[in-house]
Amino acid sequence: MNNDKCPIFPLKSIVLPGGVFPLRIFERRYLDMVTKCIKEDTGFCIALVQKEDRNKYIDQVYEIMSYVEITDWNKLEDGILGISVEGKSLAKVKKCELNKDNLLIGQVDIVKPEKEFMVPQKYQLLSKFYRKIYPGIKDYINFKRERYADASWVGYRLTECLPLDLQTKATLISLDDAILRLEKIYDIVNKLYKKEIQQL
């Protein structure tokens, strides 16, 4: 999917490659988007919001986003459509605009997967840390297959769930070096969770 037009779902959270994310869909434009994706067996992109104006539809997002595919869907008790999506790859948007239904559509290229590395010994605490916090977050964001020795996988999982501002998350996502991402996350975790890290 290079140079293709793709629907974009702007959010303040994101799922990255290898992650699984539940979403509640209730706005008509997104219900139509999901229906079309299911019928045509295609995905869409989730992007972090760059700028939000409560009086306008969101049309500014960070350029590196996540291409996802729908893995499950069901009608929830409150009548809202619930779906699960799996992050398949990162994508880069060249330009985007709202269509007539106020759905954000972008011209998107899939980003080449970054080089695979094992988690260096220095950062293995991050794998242990994610294992420790996972039971408390698994209802909100989880994964299809665990890969605790994979530097990209561990970095993506922590980027998804750490309480970071959107610009910091976007910066971590945009890095194309898994070890550099772990280095930055290591510094963040040591500042935010110093006591927890010392107990691992």
N, C-alpha and C. Protein backbone atom coordinates (compact mmCIF):
# COMPACT_ATOMS: atom_id res chain seq x y z
N MET A 1 0.85 -1.19 0.00
CA MET A 1 0.00 0.00 0.00
C MET A 1 0.88 1.24 0.00
N ASN A 2 1.38 1.61 -1.15
CA ASN A 2 2.20 2.81 -1.26
C ASN A 2 1.51 3.83 -2.14
N ASN A 3 1.52 5.06 -1.67
CA ASN A 3 0.90 6.17 -2.38
C ASN A 3 -0.60 5.97 -2.54
N ASP A 4 -1.19 5.15 -1.66
CA ASP A 4 -2.62 4.88 -1.71
C ASP A 4 -3.36 5.83 -0.77
N LYS A 5 -4.63 6.05 -1.07
CA LYS A 5 -5.47 6.83 -0.18
C LYS A 5 -6.06 5.90 0.87
N CYS A 6 -5.98 6.34 2.11
CA CYS A 6 -6.38 5.49 3.22
C CYS A 6 -7.12 6.32 4.26
N PRO A 7 -8.22 5.81 4.82
CA PRO A 7 -8.90 6.54 5.90
C PRO A 7 -8.02 6.59 7.14
N ILE A 8 -8.10 7.70 7.85
CA ILE A 8 -7.29 7.93 9.05
C ILE A 8 -8.20 8.20 10.24
N PHE A 9 -7.95 7.49 11.32
CA PHE A 9 -8.70 7.66 12.56
C PHE A 9 -7.79 8.41 13.54
N PRO A 10 -8.03 9.70 13.77
CA PRO A 10 -7.18 10.47 14.70
C PRO A 10 -7.54 10.17 16.15
N LEU A 11 -6.54 9.83 16.95
CA LEU A 11 -6.77 9.51 18.36
C LEU A 11 -5.65 10.08 19.23
N LYS A 12 -5.86 10.02 20.53
CA LYS A 12 -4.82 10.43 21.48
C LYS A 12 -4.07 9.22 22.02
N SER A 13 -4.35 8.06 21.46
CA SER A 13 -3.61 6.84 21.78
C SER A 13 -3.42 6.08 20.48
N ILE A 14 -2.54 5.07 20.52
CA ILE A 14 -2.21 4.39 19.27
C ILE A 14 -1.82 2.95 19.55
N VAL A 15 -2.02 2.10 18.55
CA VAL A 15 -1.53 0.73 18.60
C VAL A 15 -0.48 0.60 17.50
N LEU A 16 0.62 -0.06 17.82
CA LEU A 16 1.74 -0.17 16.90
C LEU A 16 1.88 -1.61 16.42
N PRO A 17 2.76 -1.88 15.45
CA PRO A 17 2.87 -3.23 14.91
C PRO A 17 3.03 -4.29 15.99
N GLY A 18 2.18 -5.31 15.91
CA GLY A 18 2.20 -6.39 16.90
C GLY A 18 1.23 -6.21 18.03
N GLY A 19 0.64 -5.02 18.15
CA GLY A 19 -0.29 -4.75 19.24
C GLY A 19 -1.74 -4.96 18.81
N VAL A 20 -2.60 -5.17 19.78
CA VAL A 20 -4.04 -5.34 19.54
C VAL A 20 -4.78 -4.34 20.42
N PHE A 21 -5.75 -3.67 19.83
CA PHE A 21 -6.36 -2.51 20.47
C PHE A 21 -7.88 -2.56 20.30
N PRO A 22 -8.66 -2.49 21.39
CA PRO A 22 -10.12 -2.41 21.26
C PRO A 22 -10.57 -0.97 21.03
N LEU A 23 -11.54 -0.80 20.15
CA LEU A 23 -12.07 0.54 19.87
C LEU A 23 -13.60 0.50 19.95
N ARG A 24 -14.16 1.60 20.43
CA ARG A 24 -15.61 1.77 20.45
C ARG A 24 -15.97 2.77 19.35
N ILE A 25 -16.80 2.33 18.42
CA ILE A 25 -17.13 3.15 17.26
C ILE A 25 -18.59 3.59 17.35
N PHE A 26 -18.81 4.91 17.31
CA PHE A 26 -20.19 5.39 17.41
C PHE A 26 -20.50 6.54 16.44
N GLU A 27 -19.48 7.28 15.99
CA GLU A 27 -19.75 8.35 15.03
C GLU A 27 -20.05 7.74 13.66
N ARG A 28 -21.02 8.33 12.96
CA ARG A 28 -21.45 7.79 11.68
C ARG A 28 -20.31 7.65 10.68
N ARG A 29 -19.43 8.65 10.61
CA ARG A 29 -18.34 8.59 9.62
C ARG A 29 -17.42 7.40 9.88
N TYR A 30 -17.21 7.06 11.16
CA TYR A 30 -16.33 5.93 11.48
C TYR A 30 -17.07 4.60 11.38
N LEU A 31 -18.37 4.61 11.65
CA LEU A 31 -19.16 3.40 11.42
C LEU A 31 -19.14 3.04 9.94
N ASP A 32 -19.29 4.04 9.08
CA ASP A 32 -19.24 3.81 7.64
C ASP A 32 -17.85 3.33 7.22
N MET A 33 -16.82 3.92 7.81
CA MET A 33 -15.44 3.53 7.50
C MET A 33 -15.20 2.06 7.86
N VAL A 34 -15.62 1.67 9.07
CA VAL A 34 -15.42 0.30 9.52
C VAL A 34 -16.21 -0.67 8.65
N THR A 35 -17.45 -0.32 8.34
CA THR A 35 -18.28 -1.18 7.49
C THR A 35 -17.61 -1.42 6.14
N LYS A 36 -17.07 -0.36 5.55
CA LYS A 36 -16.40 -0.49 4.26
C LYS A 36 -15.14 -1.34 4.37
N CYS A 37 -14.37 -1.14 5.45
CA CYS A 37 -13.15 -1.93 5.65
C CYS A 37 -13.47 -3.41 5.78
N ILE A 38 -14.53 -3.73 6.51
CA ILE A 38 -14.92 -5.13 6.69
C ILE A 38 -15.37 -5.73 5.36
N LYS A 39 -16.19 -5.00 4.62
CA LYS A 39 -16.70 -5.50 3.34
C LYS A 39 -15.58 -5.71 2.33
N GLU A 40 -14.61 -4.79 2.31
CA GLU A 40 -13.55 -4.84 1.31
C GLU A 40 -12.28 -5.51 1.82
N ASP A 41 -12.31 -5.96 3.09
CA ASP A 41 -11.17 -6.64 3.70
C ASP A 41 -9.91 -5.76 3.62
N THR A 42 -10.07 -4.52 4.02
CA THR A 42 -8.95 -3.58 4.03
C THR A 42 -8.80 -2.99 5.44
N GLY A 43 -7.75 -2.24 5.65
CA GLY A 43 -7.53 -1.62 6.94
C GLY A 43 -7.65 -0.12 6.88
N PHE A 44 -7.21 0.52 7.95
CA PHE A 44 -7.18 1.98 8.01
C PHE A 44 -6.00 2.38 8.87
N CYS A 45 -5.74 3.65 8.98
CA CYS A 45 -4.62 4.14 9.79
C CYS A 45 -5.12 4.80 11.06
N ILE A 46 -4.40 4.57 12.15
CA ILE A 46 -4.63 5.31 13.39
C ILE A 46 -3.46 6.28 13.54
N ALA A 47 -3.79 7.55 13.75
CA ALA A 47 -2.77 8.59 13.86
C ALA A 47 -2.95 9.38 15.14
N LEU A 48 -1.85 9.81 15.71
CA LEU A 48 -1.92 10.67 16.89
C LEU A 48 -2.30 12.08 16.48
N VAL A 49 -3.19 12.66 17.25
CA VAL A 49 -3.65 14.02 16.99
C VAL A 49 -2.51 15.01 17.21
N GLN A 50 -2.30 15.87 16.24
CA GLN A 50 -1.25 16.89 16.37
C GLN A 50 -1.82 18.19 16.92
N LYS A 51 -2.97 18.54 16.44
CA LYS A 51 -3.61 19.77 16.88
C LYS A 51 -5.11 19.54 16.92
N GLU A 52 -5.72 19.96 18.01
CA GLU A 52 -7.15 19.72 18.18
C GLU A 52 -7.87 21.01 18.51
N ASP A 53 -8.94 21.25 17.79
CA ASP A 53 -9.82 22.39 18.04
C ASP A 53 -11.21 21.83 18.28
N ARG A 54 -11.73 22.02 19.48
CA ARG A 54 -13.02 21.43 19.84
C ARG A 54 -14.16 21.86 18.91
N ASN A 55 -13.97 22.96 18.23
CA ASN A 55 -15.02 23.47 17.36
C ASN A 55 -14.87 23.02 15.91
N LYS A 56 -13.84 22.23 15.63
CA LYS A 56 -13.59 21.79 14.26
C LYS A 56 -13.28 20.30 14.23
N TYR A 57 -13.46 19.71 13.05
CA TYR A 57 -13.03 18.33 12.87
C TYR A 57 -11.51 18.28 12.83
N ILE A 58 -10.95 17.23 13.40
CA ILE A 58 -9.49 17.09 13.44
C ILE A 58 -8.95 16.82 12.04
N ASP A 59 -8.01 17.63 11.60
CA ASP A 59 -7.40 17.40 10.29
C ASP A 59 -5.87 17.51 10.33
N GLN A 60 -5.31 17.63 11.54
CA GLN A 60 -3.86 17.70 11.68
C GLN A 60 -3.38 16.56 12.58
N VAL A 61 -2.59 15.67 12.00
CA VAL A 61 -2.09 14.51 12.73
C VAL A 61 -0.59 14.38 12.48
N TYR A 62 0.08 13.62 13.36
CA TYR A 62 1.51 13.35 13.15
C TYR A 62 1.68 12.44 11.95
N GLU A 63 2.76 12.66 11.19
CA GLU A 63 2.89 12.02 9.88
C GLU A 63 3.19 10.52 9.95
N ILE A 64 3.84 10.06 11.02
CA ILE A 64 4.07 8.62 11.15
C ILE A 64 2.93 8.03 11.97
N MET A 65 2.22 7.10 11.37
CA MET A 65 1.03 6.53 11.98
C MET A 65 1.08 5.01 11.88
N SER A 66 0.02 4.37 12.29
CA SER A 66 -0.02 2.91 12.29
C SER A 66 -1.13 2.41 11.37
N TYR A 67 -0.76 1.53 10.45
CA TYR A 67 -1.76 0.88 9.60
C TYR A 67 -2.28 -0.34 10.35
N VAL A 68 -3.60 -0.42 10.52
CA VAL A 68 -4.20 -1.51 11.30
C VAL A 68 -5.24 -2.25 10.47
N GLU A 69 -5.51 -3.47 10.88
CA GLU A 69 -6.57 -4.26 10.27
C GLU A 69 -7.52 -4.75 11.35
N ILE A 70 -8.79 -4.84 11.01
CA ILE A 70 -9.82 -5.25 11.96
C ILE A 70 -9.77 -6.77 12.12
N THR A 71 -9.68 -7.22 13.36
CA THR A 71 -9.60 -8.66 13.63
C THR A 71 -10.88 -9.22 14.24
N ASP A 72 -11.72 -8.34 14.80
CA ASP A 72 -12.96 -8.80 15.43
C ASP A 72 -13.89 -7.62 15.59
N TRP A 73 -15.18 -7.89 15.63
CA TRP A 73 -16.15 -6.83 15.86
C TRP A 73 -17.42 -7.42 16.48
N ASN A 74 -18.10 -6.61 17.27
CA ASN A 74 -19.35 -7.04 17.89
C ASN A 74 -20.11 -5.82 18.39
N LYS A 75 -21.41 -5.99 18.56
CA LYS A 75 -22.25 -4.92 19.08
C LYS A 75 -22.23 -4.98 20.59
N LEU A 76 -21.85 -3.88 21.24
CA LEU A 76 -21.75 -3.84 22.68
C LEU A 76 -23.13 -3.61 23.31
N GLU A 77 -23.20 -3.78 24.63
CA GLU A 77 -24.48 -3.67 25.34
C GLU A 77 -25.13 -2.31 25.17
N ASP A 78 -24.33 -1.27 25.04
CA ASP A 78 -24.89 0.07 24.89
C ASP A 78 -25.22 0.41 23.45
N GLY A 79 -25.13 -0.59 22.56
CA GLY A 79 -25.47 -0.38 21.16
C GLY A 79 -24.33 0.13 20.31
N ILE A 80 -23.21 0.45 20.94
CA ILE A 80 -22.04 0.94 20.22
C ILE A 80 -21.31 -0.25 19.58
N LEU A 81 -20.71 -0.02 18.43
CA LEU A 81 -19.95 -1.07 17.76
C LEU A 81 -18.57 -1.18 18.39
N GLY A 82 -18.22 -2.38 18.82
CA GLY A 82 -16.89 -2.62 19.35
C GLY A 82 -16.06 -3.38 18.33
N ILE A 83 -14.85 -2.92 18.09
CA ILE A 83 -13.95 -3.63 17.17
C ILE A 83 -12.59 -3.82 17.84
N SER A 84 -11.86 -4.82 17.38
CA SER A 84 -10.46 -4.99 17.76
C SER A 84 -9.63 -4.83 16.51
N VAL A 85 -8.54 -4.09 16.63
CA VAL A 85 -7.65 -3.91 15.48
C VAL A 85 -6.25 -4.35 15.87
N GLU A 86 -5.52 -4.84 14.88
CA GLU A 86 -4.13 -5.25 15.08
C GLU A 86 -3.22 -4.33 14.29
N GLY A 87 -2.19 -3.81 14.95
CA GLY A 87 -1.21 -3.00 14.25
C GLY A 87 -0.39 -3.87 13.30
N LYS A 88 -0.37 -3.51 12.03
CA LYS A 88 0.34 -4.32 11.03
C LYS A 88 1.67 -3.71 10.61
N SER A 89 1.71 -2.39 10.49
CA SER A 89 2.94 -1.72 10.06
C SER A 89 2.82 -0.23 10.34
N LEU A 90 3.95 0.45 10.33
CA LEU A 90 3.93 1.90 10.39
C LEU A 90 3.67 2.44 8.99
N ALA A 91 3.13 3.63 8.92
CA ALA A 91 2.85 4.27 7.64
C ALA A 91 3.17 5.75 7.75
N LYS A 92 3.45 6.35 6.62
CA LYS A 92 3.76 7.78 6.59
C LYS A 92 2.78 8.47 5.65
N VAL A 93 2.14 9.50 6.16
CA VAL A 93 1.17 10.23 5.35
C VAL A 93 1.87 11.40 4.66
N LYS A 94 1.62 11.55 3.37
CA LYS A 94 2.19 12.67 2.62
C LYS A 94 1.30 13.90 2.74
N LYS A 95 0.03 13.68 2.58
CA LYS A 95 -0.93 14.77 2.75
C LYS A 95 -2.28 14.16 3.10
N CYS A 96 -3.10 14.93 3.77
CA CYS A 96 -4.41 14.42 4.14
C CYS A 96 -5.42 15.56 4.16
N GLU A 97 -6.67 15.19 4.00
CA GLU A 97 -7.74 16.19 4.01
C GLU A 97 -9.05 15.51 4.36
N LEU A 98 -9.98 16.31 4.84
CA LEU A 98 -11.31 15.80 5.16
C LEU A 98 -12.12 15.64 3.88
N ASN A 99 -12.82 14.50 3.77
CA ASN A 99 -13.69 14.31 2.61
C ASN A 99 -15.07 14.89 2.90
N LYS A 100 -16.02 14.65 2.03
CA LYS A 100 -17.35 15.24 2.17
C LYS A 100 -18.08 14.74 3.42
N ASP A 101 -17.65 13.59 3.94
CA ASP A 101 -18.27 13.04 5.15
C ASP A 101 -17.48 13.40 6.41
N ASN A 102 -16.51 14.31 6.25
CA ASN A 102 -15.63 14.73 7.35
C ASN A 102 -14.78 13.58 7.89
N LEU A 103 -14.48 12.63 7.02
CA LEU A 103 -13.55 11.56 7.34
C LEU A 103 -12.18 11.97 6.79
N LEU A 104 -11.17 11.85 7.63
CA LEU A 104 -9.83 12.23 7.21
C LEU A 104 -9.25 11.15 6.29
N ILE A 105 -8.84 11.56 5.10
CA ILE A 105 -8.27 10.64 4.11
C ILE A 105 -6.84 11.10 3.81
N GLY A 106 -5.90 10.15 3.83
CA GLY A 106 -4.51 10.51 3.60
C GLY A 106 -3.88 9.72 2.46
N GLN A 107 -2.91 10.34 1.84
CA GLN A 107 -2.08 9.65 0.85
C GLN A 107 -0.93 9.02 1.63
N VAL A 108 -0.91 7.70 1.67
CA VAL A 108 -0.09 6.98 2.66
C VAL A 108 0.88 6.01 2.00
N ASP A 109 2.09 5.96 2.56
CA ASP A 109 3.09 4.95 2.18
C ASP A 109 3.39 4.09 3.40
N ILE A 110 3.51 2.79 3.19
CA ILE A 110 3.92 1.89 4.26
C ILE A 110 5.41 2.10 4.53
N VAL A 111 5.77 2.17 5.81
CA VAL A 111 7.17 2.35 6.20
C VAL A 111 7.85 0.98 6.27
N LYS A 112 9.03 0.89 5.70
CA LYS A 112 9.78 -0.36 5.72
C LYS A 112 10.07 -0.76 7.17
N PRO A 113 9.84 -2.04 7.53
CA PRO A 113 10.11 -2.47 8.91
C PRO A 113 11.56 -2.20 9.31
N GLU A 114 11.75 -1.75 10.54
CA GLU A 114 13.10 -1.46 10.99
C GLU A 114 13.88 -2.75 11.21
N LYS A 115 15.19 -2.63 11.22
CA LYS A 115 16.06 -3.79 11.39
C LYS A 115 15.82 -4.43 12.75
N GLU A 116 15.79 -5.76 12.77
CA GLU A 116 15.52 -6.47 14.01
C GLU A 116 16.78 -6.60 14.87
N PHE A 117 16.60 -6.37 16.17
CA PHE A 117 17.67 -6.53 17.14
C PHE A 117 17.13 -7.22 18.38
N MET A 118 17.99 -7.97 19.03
CA MET A 118 17.66 -8.48 20.36
C MET A 118 17.74 -7.32 21.35
N VAL A 119 16.98 -7.41 22.43
CA VAL A 119 17.06 -6.38 23.46
C VAL A 119 18.43 -6.47 24.14
N PRO A 120 19.23 -5.39 24.10
CA PRO A 120 20.54 -5.42 24.76
C PRO A 120 20.38 -5.63 26.27
N GLN A 121 21.40 -6.18 26.88
CA GLN A 121 21.33 -6.49 28.31
C GLN A 121 20.96 -5.26 29.14
N LYS A 122 21.50 -4.10 28.77
CA LYS A 122 21.23 -2.87 29.52
C LYS A 122 19.74 -2.57 29.60
N TYR A 123 19.00 -2.94 28.55
CA TYR A 123 17.59 -2.57 28.48
C TYR A 123 16.64 -3.73 28.77
N GLN A 124 17.18 -4.86 29.23
CA GLN A 124 16.31 -6.00 29.53
C GLN A 124 15.37 -5.72 30.69
N LEU A 125 15.71 -4.71 31.51
CA LEU A 125 14.79 -4.28 32.56
C LEU A 125 13.47 -3.80 31.97
N LEU A 126 13.52 -3.26 30.75
CA LEU A 126 12.29 -2.77 30.13
C LEU A 126 11.35 -3.92 29.79
N SER A 127 11.92 -5.04 29.36
CA SER A 127 11.09 -6.23 29.10
C SER A 127 10.45 -6.71 30.40
N LYS A 128 11.23 -6.73 31.48
CA LYS A 128 10.70 -7.14 32.78
C LYS A 128 9.63 -6.17 33.27
N PHE A 129 9.88 -4.89 33.03
CA PHE A 129 8.92 -3.87 33.46
C PHE A 129 7.59 -4.04 32.73
N TYR A 130 7.66 -4.29 31.42
CA TYR A 130 6.42 -4.47 30.67
C TYR A 130 5.67 -5.72 31.13
N ARG A 131 6.40 -6.79 31.39
CA ARG A 131 5.77 -8.00 31.93
C ARG A 131 5.02 -7.69 33.23
N LYS A 132 5.63 -6.84 34.05
CA LYS A 132 5.04 -6.52 35.35
C LYS A 132 3.76 -5.70 35.21
N ILE A 133 3.75 -4.74 34.29
CA ILE A 133 2.58 -3.86 34.18
C ILE A 133 1.50 -4.42 33.27
N TYR A 134 1.83 -5.42 32.45
CA TYR A 134 0.88 -5.91 31.45
C TYR A 134 -0.46 -6.36 32.03
N PRO A 135 -0.49 -7.10 33.15
CA PRO A 135 -1.80 -7.52 33.68
C PRO A 135 -2.75 -6.36 33.96
N GLY A 136 -2.20 -5.20 34.27
CA GLY A 136 -3.04 -4.05 34.58
C GLY A 136 -3.52 -3.28 33.36
N ILE A 137 -2.96 -3.57 32.19
CA ILE A 137 -3.35 -2.81 30.99
C ILE A 137 -3.95 -3.68 29.89
N LYS A 138 -3.95 -5.00 30.08
CA LYS A 138 -4.30 -5.90 28.98
C LYS A 138 -5.74 -5.75 28.50
N ASP A 139 -6.62 -5.19 29.33
CA ASP A 139 -8.00 -4.97 28.88
C ASP A 139 -8.10 -3.75 27.97
N TYR A 140 -7.07 -2.93 27.96
CA TYR A 140 -7.09 -1.70 27.16
C TYR A 140 -6.22 -1.81 25.92
N ILE A 141 -5.11 -2.49 26.05
CA ILE A 141 -4.25 -2.72 24.89
C ILE A 141 -3.41 -3.97 25.17
N ASN A 142 -3.37 -4.86 24.19
CA ASN A 142 -2.61 -6.09 24.41
C ASN A 142 -1.84 -6.44 23.15
N PHE A 143 -1.55 -7.70 22.95
CA PHE A 143 -0.75 -8.10 21.80
C PHE A 143 -1.16 -9.49 21.35
N LYS A 144 -0.77 -9.82 20.12
CA LYS A 144 -1.13 -11.11 19.55
C LYS A 144 -0.12 -12.19 19.94
N ARG A 145 1.16 -11.83 19.94
CA ARG A 145 2.21 -12.81 20.23
C ARG A 145 3.34 -12.12 20.98
N GLU A 146 3.75 -12.68 22.11
CA GLU A 146 4.79 -12.03 22.90
C GLU A 146 6.17 -12.25 22.28
N ARG A 147 6.97 -11.17 22.34
CA ARG A 147 8.33 -11.22 21.79
C ARG A 147 9.24 -10.37 22.69
N TYR A 148 9.38 -10.80 23.91
CA TYR A 148 10.08 -9.99 24.91
C TYR A 148 11.57 -9.81 24.63
N ALA A 149 12.13 -10.59 23.73
CA ALA A 149 13.55 -10.44 23.40
C ALA A 149 13.77 -9.52 22.20
N ASP A 150 12.69 -9.09 21.56
CA ASP A 150 12.76 -8.28 20.35
C ASP A 150 12.73 -6.79 20.71
N ALA A 151 13.76 -6.06 20.32
CA ALA A 151 13.88 -4.64 20.70
C ALA A 151 12.74 -3.79 20.15
N SER A 152 12.36 -4.02 18.90
CA SER A 152 11.26 -3.25 18.32
C SER A 152 9.96 -3.52 19.06
N TRP A 153 9.69 -4.79 19.31
CA TRP A 153 8.43 -5.19 19.96
C TRP A 153 8.31 -4.56 21.35
N VAL A 154 9.37 -4.66 22.14
CA VAL A 154 9.33 -4.10 23.50
C VAL A 154 9.17 -2.57 23.44
N GLY A 155 9.89 -1.94 22.52
CA GLY A 155 9.78 -0.49 22.39
C GLY A 155 8.39 -0.05 21.97
N TYR A 156 7.79 -0.79 21.04
CA TYR A 156 6.43 -0.45 20.60
C TYR A 156 5.42 -0.62 21.73
N ARG A 157 5.54 -1.73 22.47
CA ARG A 157 4.57 -1.97 23.54
C ARG A 157 4.64 -0.88 24.62
N LEU A 158 5.84 -0.46 24.97
CA LEU A 158 5.96 0.58 25.99
C LEU A 158 5.55 1.94 25.46
N THR A 159 5.83 2.21 24.20
CA THR A 159 5.39 3.47 23.60
C THR A 159 3.87 3.57 23.63
N GLU A 160 3.20 2.46 23.39
CA GLU A 160 1.74 2.44 23.40
C GLU A 160 1.18 2.81 24.77
N CYS A 161 1.76 2.26 25.83
CA CYS A 161 1.09 2.30 27.13
C CYS A 161 1.63 3.32 28.12
N LEU A 162 2.83 3.83 27.92
CA LEU A 162 3.37 4.79 28.88
C LEU A 162 2.60 6.11 28.83
N PRO A 163 2.43 6.77 29.99
CA PRO A 163 1.67 8.04 30.04
C PRO A 163 2.52 9.21 29.56
N LEU A 164 2.65 9.32 28.25
CA LEU A 164 3.50 10.33 27.64
C LEU A 164 2.65 11.35 26.89
N ASP A 165 3.18 12.56 26.74
CA ASP A 165 2.48 13.53 25.90
C ASP A 165 2.56 13.07 24.45
N LEU A 166 1.65 13.57 23.63
CA LEU A 166 1.53 13.08 22.26
C LEU A 166 2.78 13.35 21.43
N GLN A 167 3.42 14.47 21.66
CA GLN A 167 4.62 14.78 20.89
C GLN A 167 5.74 13.79 21.19
N THR A 168 5.88 13.41 22.47
CA THR A 168 6.90 12.44 22.84
C THR A 168 6.59 11.07 22.23
N LYS A 169 5.32 10.67 22.29
CA LYS A 169 4.94 9.40 21.66
C LYS A 169 5.25 9.43 20.17
N ALA A 170 4.88 10.53 19.52
CA ALA A 170 5.10 10.65 18.08
C ALA A 170 6.59 10.59 17.75
N THR A 171 7.42 11.20 18.59
CA THR A 171 8.87 11.17 18.37
C THR A 171 9.40 9.75 18.48
N LEU A 172 8.95 9.01 19.48
CA LEU A 172 9.39 7.63 19.65
C LEU A 172 8.96 6.77 18.46
N ILE A 173 7.75 6.99 17.99
CA ILE A 173 7.24 6.21 16.86
C ILE A 173 8.04 6.51 15.59
N SER A 174 8.44 7.76 15.43
CA SER A 174 9.12 8.17 14.19
C SER A 174 10.56 7.67 14.11
N LEU A 175 11.14 7.25 15.23
CA LEU A 175 12.50 6.74 15.20
C LEU A 175 12.55 5.44 14.40
N ASP A 176 13.57 5.29 13.57
CA ASP A 176 13.69 4.06 12.78
C ASP A 176 14.80 3.16 13.31
N ASP A 177 15.17 3.38 14.57
CA ASP A 177 16.23 2.61 15.22
C ASP A 177 15.67 2.07 16.54
N ALA A 178 15.49 0.75 16.60
CA ALA A 178 14.86 0.13 17.77
C ALA A 178 15.67 0.33 19.05
N ILE A 179 16.99 0.31 18.93
CA ILE A 179 17.84 0.46 20.12
C ILE A 179 17.79 1.90 20.64
N LEU A 180 17.80 2.86 19.73
CA LEU A 180 17.69 4.26 20.14
C LEU A 180 16.36 4.50 20.83
N ARG A 181 15.29 3.88 20.33
CA ARG A 181 13.98 4.03 20.97
C ARG A 181 14.03 3.47 22.39
N LEU A 182 14.64 2.30 22.56
CA LEU A 182 14.75 1.72 23.90
C LEU A 182 15.57 2.62 24.83
N GLU A 183 16.61 3.23 24.30
CA GLU A 183 17.44 4.13 25.10
C GLU A 183 16.61 5.28 25.65
N LYS A 184 15.79 5.88 24.79
CA LYS A 184 14.96 7.00 25.22
C LYS A 184 13.87 6.54 26.19
N ILE A 185 13.30 5.37 25.94
CA ILE A 185 12.27 4.84 26.84
C ILE A 185 12.88 4.49 28.19
N TYR A 186 14.10 3.97 28.17
CA TYR A 186 14.80 3.62 29.41
C TYR A 186 14.95 4.86 30.31
N ASP A 187 15.32 5.97 29.71
CA ASP A 187 15.45 7.22 30.47
C ASP A 187 14.10 7.66 31.03
N ILE A 188 13.06 7.54 30.21
CA ILE A 188 11.72 7.94 30.64
C ILE A 188 11.23 7.08 31.80
N VAL A 189 11.38 5.76 31.64
CA VAL A 189 10.90 4.84 32.67
C VAL A 189 11.65 5.04 33.98
N ASN A 190 12.95 5.30 33.89
CA ASN A 190 13.73 5.52 35.11
C ASN A 190 13.31 6.79 35.84
N LYS A 191 12.79 7.76 35.11
CA LYS A 191 12.30 8.98 35.74
C LYS A 191 10.91 8.79 36.33
N LEU A 192 10.04 8.10 35.58
CA LEU A 192 8.65 7.96 36.01
C LEU A 192 8.44 6.83 37.01
N TYR A 193 9.25 5.77 36.90
CA TYR A 193 9.01 4.56 37.69
C TYR A 193 10.30 4.08 38.36
N LYS A 194 11.02 5.00 38.95
CA LYS A 194 12.33 4.68 39.52
C LYS A 194 12.24 3.57 40.58
N LYS A 195 11.26 3.67 41.48
CA LYS A 195 11.13 2.66 42.54
C LYS A 195 10.78 1.30 41.96
N GLU A 196 9.86 1.29 41.00
CA GLU A 196 9.44 0.01 40.40
C GLU A 196 10.60 -0.66 39.68
N ILE A 197 11.41 0.13 38.98
CA ILE A 197 12.56 -0.41 38.25
C ILE A 197 13.58 -1.00 39.23
N GLN A 198 13.79 -0.34 40.34
CA GLN A 198 14.76 -0.82 41.33
C GLN A 198 14.33 -2.14 41.95
N GLN A 199 13.04 -2.43 41.92
CA GLN A 199 12.53 -3.66 42.52
C GLN A 199 12.54 -4.84 41.56
N LEU A 200 12.84 -4.60 40.30
CA LEU A 200 12.84 -5.69 39.32
C LEU A 200 14.09 -6.56 39.45
